[in-house]
Structure formats: C-alpha cells, structure tokens
Amino acid sequence: MPPNVLRLGREIRWCRLCPRRCGVNRQAGRIGDCRIGSQAMVASAGPHFGEEPCLVGSGGSGTIFFAGCNLTCLFCQNSDISQTAEGLPRTPRQIADIALALQGRGCININFVTPTHVVHAVAEAIVLGRYTQPLASPRANPKSNFLSVTGGPTGCQDHTPAMGVWQNMHWPARRFLSVTENTRRRMTALPHLGQKVSSTSGRPGTLPT
C-alpha cells in the first residue's frame, strides 16, 4: 500500500482527516464529529445520470454515497444520508468491489459522494481496485464536506468541491453549515486538490480538469 494511503489510515487514531480535527480514536470505535467510526458506511450505490453529459456518458456515473458528514448544512439535499450513520459498513476491499461492479455495468467513472470523512477507506479502495483491474476514472465529490489540505482523496482524477458560503462570512457559515472557516479552508485546499488530479481531456466519457 502506498505510504500516503497508509498515512491516512493512521490519521483516524487521533482523527485529523478534516479541519475539525476532533481527535477521537476512530480506529478504536469512537465516533467523530462526522458520526462515523473507523469503517465507511455506504448508504447507496448505482448508476447516476443527473450530472453533466461529460460526466455521465451513455452508462452513467457510478455513484457511491457515504453516510455521515463533517458538516450539518441546513440546506443539505442528502440530509437523510449525511446527517445519519444509516448505511452498511464496508471495508476498502468491499468498496473496491462495488466500484468494479459499477464499472462492469457500464458506468464511465466512479463517483465517491461525501468522502472526506472516510477518505482513508476510499483511498485504499482505489488502490485495491486498480490492483484488480483498471478502475474507471475515480471522482471525489466532496460537495458537502469541510475540506483540509491533507484530507483530499488520493488517486482521483476529478474533485468537485462546492462552495456553500463563498465569502468568509462567519454568521452564515456557522448558522447554515455549522462551521466558521469553510471558505478559507476550501480555498486553501483547492490548489492541493488540483495537484492530486490527473490531467484528462474534456471529451465525452472523460473528466474535464
């Protein structure tokens, strides 16, 4: 396993995967601010056609939704998933198998939704999946996550973080996202995410940079 992936696994012993840095020992079964312990909880998985054409193609985007989140956004469209731990516990090997199964169904990419708090498992799953066979363009979709420089998924060809609050306005961020530094943290993390993204073309069936 690559050293950077092993490092992410160690981070959950005194959790520092996201800017909350809650410090709980998730490896020992403690629950962090994200409401998730050491194992990723998969809420659902399947082909998704609600993205831009270049991200969907003819086979759809192979979407894997993870339960839990390190934010509590009042406007979250996935609150039934993100604000609970409802899902099935899955090891990195099982997540890799889900991704490969979606690829086998014709999905043109693998779309990890809300992965920041379980990035240690996602990164390992990507590595394991690629050991088995070429994995279709892994994407990280941290639209509802509080990002850090060290917590971006490694091995993904695309990152699509959304800015819930563009300006660093403390009251709206605290009121609607439950954080005060989401904008500054994301703006700091974005250049580092860009360094982790592989260069791809904008042709249908590929991921634009």
Protein backbone atom coordinates (compact mmCIF):
# COMPACT_ATOMS: atom_id res chain seq x y z
CA MET A 1 0.00 0.00 0.00
CA PRO A 2 1.42 3.47 -0.89
CA PRO A 3 2.81 5.48 2.06
CA ASN A 4 0.32 8.33 1.62
CA VAL A 5 -2.60 5.90 1.86
CA LEU A 6 -1.12 4.28 4.98
CA ARG A 7 -0.72 7.76 6.48
CA LEU A 8 -4.44 8.44 6.03
CA GLY A 9 -5.19 5.21 7.89
CA ARG A 10 -3.07 6.38 10.81
CA GLU A 11 -4.82 9.76 10.88
CA ILE A 12 -8.00 8.27 12.34
CA ARG A 13 -6.20 7.11 15.50
CA TRP A 14 -6.37 10.75 16.64
CA CYS A 15 -8.63 11.94 13.89
CA ARG A 16 -7.26 14.81 11.81
CA LEU A 17 -8.77 13.91 8.43
CA CYS A 18 -10.76 17.15 8.24
CA PRO A 19 -10.32 20.68 9.64
CA ARG A 20 -12.46 19.87 12.67
CA ARG A 21 -9.56 17.74 13.95
CA CYS A 22 -11.85 16.24 16.60
CA GLY A 23 -9.05 13.98 17.81
CA VAL A 24 -11.14 10.91 18.64
CA ASN A 25 -9.72 7.45 18.15
CA ARG A 26 -11.99 6.24 15.38
CA GLN A 27 -9.80 3.17 14.91
CA ALA A 28 -10.86 2.06 18.38
CA GLY A 29 -14.54 2.51 17.53
CA ARG A 30 -15.04 6.05 18.82
CA ILE A 31 -17.39 8.27 16.82
CA GLY A 32 -16.10 11.56 15.42
CA ASP A 33 -17.96 14.77 14.57
CA CYS A 34 -18.84 13.11 11.26
CA ARG A 35 -20.86 10.47 13.16
CA ILE A 36 -18.77 7.67 11.65
CA GLY A 37 -16.24 5.33 13.24
CA SER A 38 -13.38 3.56 11.51
CA GLN A 39 -15.41 1.85 8.77
CA ALA A 40 -17.04 3.69 5.91
CA MET A 41 -20.82 3.36 5.78
CA VAL A 42 -22.18 3.02 2.24
CA ALA A 43 -25.74 4.36 2.03
CA SER A 44 -26.34 3.51 -1.63
CA ALA A 45 -24.57 2.78 -4.90
CA GLY A 46 -25.68 2.73 -8.51
CA PRO A 47 -25.54 4.44 -11.92
CA HIS A 48 -26.42 8.12 -11.79
CA PHE A 49 -27.49 10.21 -14.79
CA GLY A 50 -28.09 13.59 -13.15
CA GLU A 51 -24.67 15.07 -13.88
CA GLU A 52 -23.24 17.00 -16.83
CA PRO A 53 -23.08 14.96 -20.09
CA CYS A 54 -19.28 14.63 -19.98
CA LEU A 55 -19.56 13.05 -16.52
CA VAL A 56 -22.37 10.67 -17.40
CA GLY A 57 -21.83 9.43 -20.94
CA SER A 58 -24.07 6.59 -22.02
CA GLY A 59 -23.55 4.35 -18.99
CA GLY A 60 -23.99 6.82 -16.16
CA SER A 61 -21.74 7.84 -13.33
CA GLY A 62 -21.09 5.01 -10.86
CA THR A 63 -22.17 6.80 -7.69
CA ILE A 64 -21.30 5.60 -4.19
CA PHE A 65 -22.95 7.62 -1.41
CA PHE A 66 -21.31 7.56 2.01
CA ALA A 67 -23.30 8.11 5.19
CA GLY A 68 -22.22 10.80 7.62
CA CYS A 69 -20.64 14.19 7.06
CA ASN A 70 -18.46 16.65 8.97
CA LEU A 71 -20.98 19.47 8.35
CA THR A 72 -24.62 19.92 9.33
CA CYS A 73 -25.82 22.13 6.47
CA LEU A 74 -29.46 23.18 6.83
CA PHE A 75 -29.88 23.11 3.04
CA CYS A 76 -28.40 19.63 2.51
CA GLN A 77 -30.26 17.73 -0.20
CA ASN A 78 -28.88 14.43 1.13
CA SER A 79 -29.60 15.05 4.82
CA ASP A 80 -31.24 11.64 5.24
CA ILE A 81 -27.82 10.18 4.44
CA SER A 82 -25.31 12.81 5.54
CA GLN A 83 -26.85 13.55 8.94
CA THR A 84 -27.13 9.91 9.96
CA ALA A 85 -24.96 6.84 10.04
CA GLU A 86 -27.56 4.88 8.11
CA GLY A 87 -25.82 2.50 5.74
CA LEU A 88 -23.89 -0.72 5.54
CA PRO A 89 -20.34 -0.91 6.94
CA ARG A 90 -17.93 -1.61 4.11
CA THR A 91 -14.22 -2.39 4.10
CA PRO A 92 -11.94 -0.85 1.45
CA ARG A 93 -11.95 -4.20 -0.38
CA GLN A 94 -15.76 -4.19 -0.44
CA ILE A 95 -15.85 -0.58 -1.66
CA ALA A 96 -13.42 -1.54 -4.42
CA ASP A 97 -15.69 -4.44 -5.38
CA ILE A 98 -18.70 -2.10 -5.53
CA ALA A 99 -16.75 0.26 -7.78
CA LEU A 100 -15.67 -2.56 -10.07
CA ALA A 101 -19.24 -3.88 -10.24
CA LEU A 102 -20.50 -0.43 -11.28
CA GLN A 103 -17.78 -0.28 -13.89
CA GLY A 104 -18.88 -3.71 -15.12
CA ARG A 105 -22.41 -2.33 -15.54
CA GLY A 106 -21.12 0.30 -17.96
CA CYS A 107 -20.53 3.30 -15.68
CA ILE A 108 -17.86 5.56 -17.16
CA ASN A 109 -16.50 6.75 -13.82
CA ILE A 110 -16.70 6.05 -10.11
CA ASN A 111 -18.21 8.94 -8.17
CA PHE A 112 -17.47 8.96 -4.42
CA VAL A 113 -20.04 11.30 -2.82
CA THR A 114 -19.27 12.91 0.55
CA PRO A 115 -15.99 11.01 1.00
CA THR A 116 -13.85 13.41 3.06
CA HIS A 117 -14.53 11.85 6.47
CA VAL A 118 -13.83 8.33 5.13
CA VAL A 119 -11.02 9.25 2.74
CA HIS A 120 -8.75 6.70 4.42
CA ALA A 121 -11.06 3.91 3.21
CA VAL A 122 -11.72 5.47 -0.21
CA ALA A 123 -8.03 5.90 -0.99
CA GLU A 124 -7.30 2.29 -0.07
CA ALA A 125 -10.29 1.12 -2.13
CA ILE A 126 -8.97 2.96 -5.19
CA VAL A 127 -5.58 1.28 -4.82
CA LEU A 128 -7.14 -2.16 -4.32
CA GLY A 129 -9.47 -1.67 -7.27
CA ARG A 130 -6.59 -0.77 -9.54
CA TYR A 131 -4.66 -3.84 -8.42
CA THR A 132 -7.60 -5.92 -9.66
CA GLN A 133 -8.16 -4.15 -12.99
CA PRO A 134 -8.04 -0.60 -14.40
CA LEU A 135 -10.58 1.44 -12.45
CA ALA A 136 -12.79 3.84 -14.41
CA SER A 137 -11.83 7.44 -13.61
CA PRO A 138 -12.37 7.76 -9.83
CA ARG A 139 -14.05 11.06 -8.87
CA ALA A 140 -14.26 12.70 -5.47
CA ASN A 141 -17.48 14.64 -4.95
CA PRO A 142 -16.98 16.42 -1.59
CA LYS A 143 -19.79 18.92 -2.14
CA SER A 144 -20.96 18.73 1.46
CA ASN A 145 -17.68 18.31 3.26
CA PHE A 146 -15.35 20.54 5.28
CA LEU A 147 -12.05 20.09 3.41
CA SER A 148 -8.45 20.05 4.59
CA VAL A 149 -5.16 20.06 2.71
CA THR A 150 -4.27 16.56 3.90
CA GLY A 151 -7.74 15.04 3.56
CA GLY A 152 -8.32 15.13 -0.18
CA PRO A 153 -8.85 11.73 -1.79
CA THR A 154 -5.68 10.45 -3.41
CA GLY A 155 -5.80 8.82 -6.83
CA CYS A 156 -8.93 10.62 -8.05
CA GLN A 157 -8.99 12.21 -11.49
CA ASP A 158 -11.53 14.86 -10.57
CA HIS A 159 -12.58 16.79 -7.47
CA THR A 160 -15.82 18.81 -7.44
CA PRO A 161 -16.00 20.70 -4.14
CA ALA A 162 -18.89 23.18 -3.95
CA MET A 163 -18.65 26.42 -2.03
CA GLY A 164 -21.62 26.55 0.34
CA VAL A 165 -20.62 30.04 1.51
CA TRP A 166 -18.33 31.90 -0.87
CA GLN A 167 -17.19 34.76 1.31
CA ASN A 168 -15.71 34.09 4.73
CA MET A 169 -18.89 35.28 6.47
CA HIS A 170 -18.85 33.78 9.94
CA TRP A 171 -22.54 34.16 10.84
CA PRO A 172 -24.00 32.44 7.71
CA ALA A 173 -21.32 29.73 7.82
CA ARG A 174 -21.99 29.00 11.48
CA ARG A 175 -25.77 29.25 11.05
CA PHE A 176 -26.16 27.17 7.90
CA LEU A 177 -23.03 24.94 7.75
CA SER A 178 -22.06 24.66 11.47
CA VAL A 179 -18.53 25.96 10.76
CA THR A 180 -16.94 29.40 10.54
CA GLU A 181 -13.94 28.85 8.27
CA ASN A 182 -15.36 26.73 5.46
CA THR A 183 -14.43 29.22 2.71
CA ARG A 184 -10.87 29.83 3.88
CA ARG A 185 -10.25 26.12 4.40
CA ARG A 186 -11.61 25.21 0.97
CA MET A 187 -9.67 27.96 -0.80
CA THR A 188 -6.52 26.71 0.92
CA ALA A 189 -7.25 23.09 -0.03
CA LEU A 190 -8.22 23.67 -3.68
CA PRO A 191 -4.66 24.13 -5.06
CA HIS A 192 -3.57 20.97 -3.26
CA LEU A 193 -6.54 19.05 -4.67
CA GLY A 194 -5.51 20.24 -8.11
CA GLN A 195 -2.06 18.74 -7.63
CA LYS A 196 -3.66 15.34 -6.94
CA VAL A 197 -5.83 15.38 -10.06
CA SER A 198 -4.62 13.62 -13.18
CA SER A 199 -4.81 15.61 -16.41
CA THR A 200 -7.68 14.44 -18.61
CA SER A 201 -9.39 15.75 -21.72
CA GLY A 202 -12.91 17.14 -21.97
CA ARG A 203 -14.20 14.53 -24.43
CA PRO A 204 -17.48 12.76 -23.56
CA GLY A 205 -16.69 9.84 -21.32
CA THR A 206 -13.67 11.56 -19.76
CA LEU A 207 -13.37 14.04 -16.90
CA PRO A 208 -12.51 17.68 -17.59
CA THR A 209 -9.88 19.32 -15.41
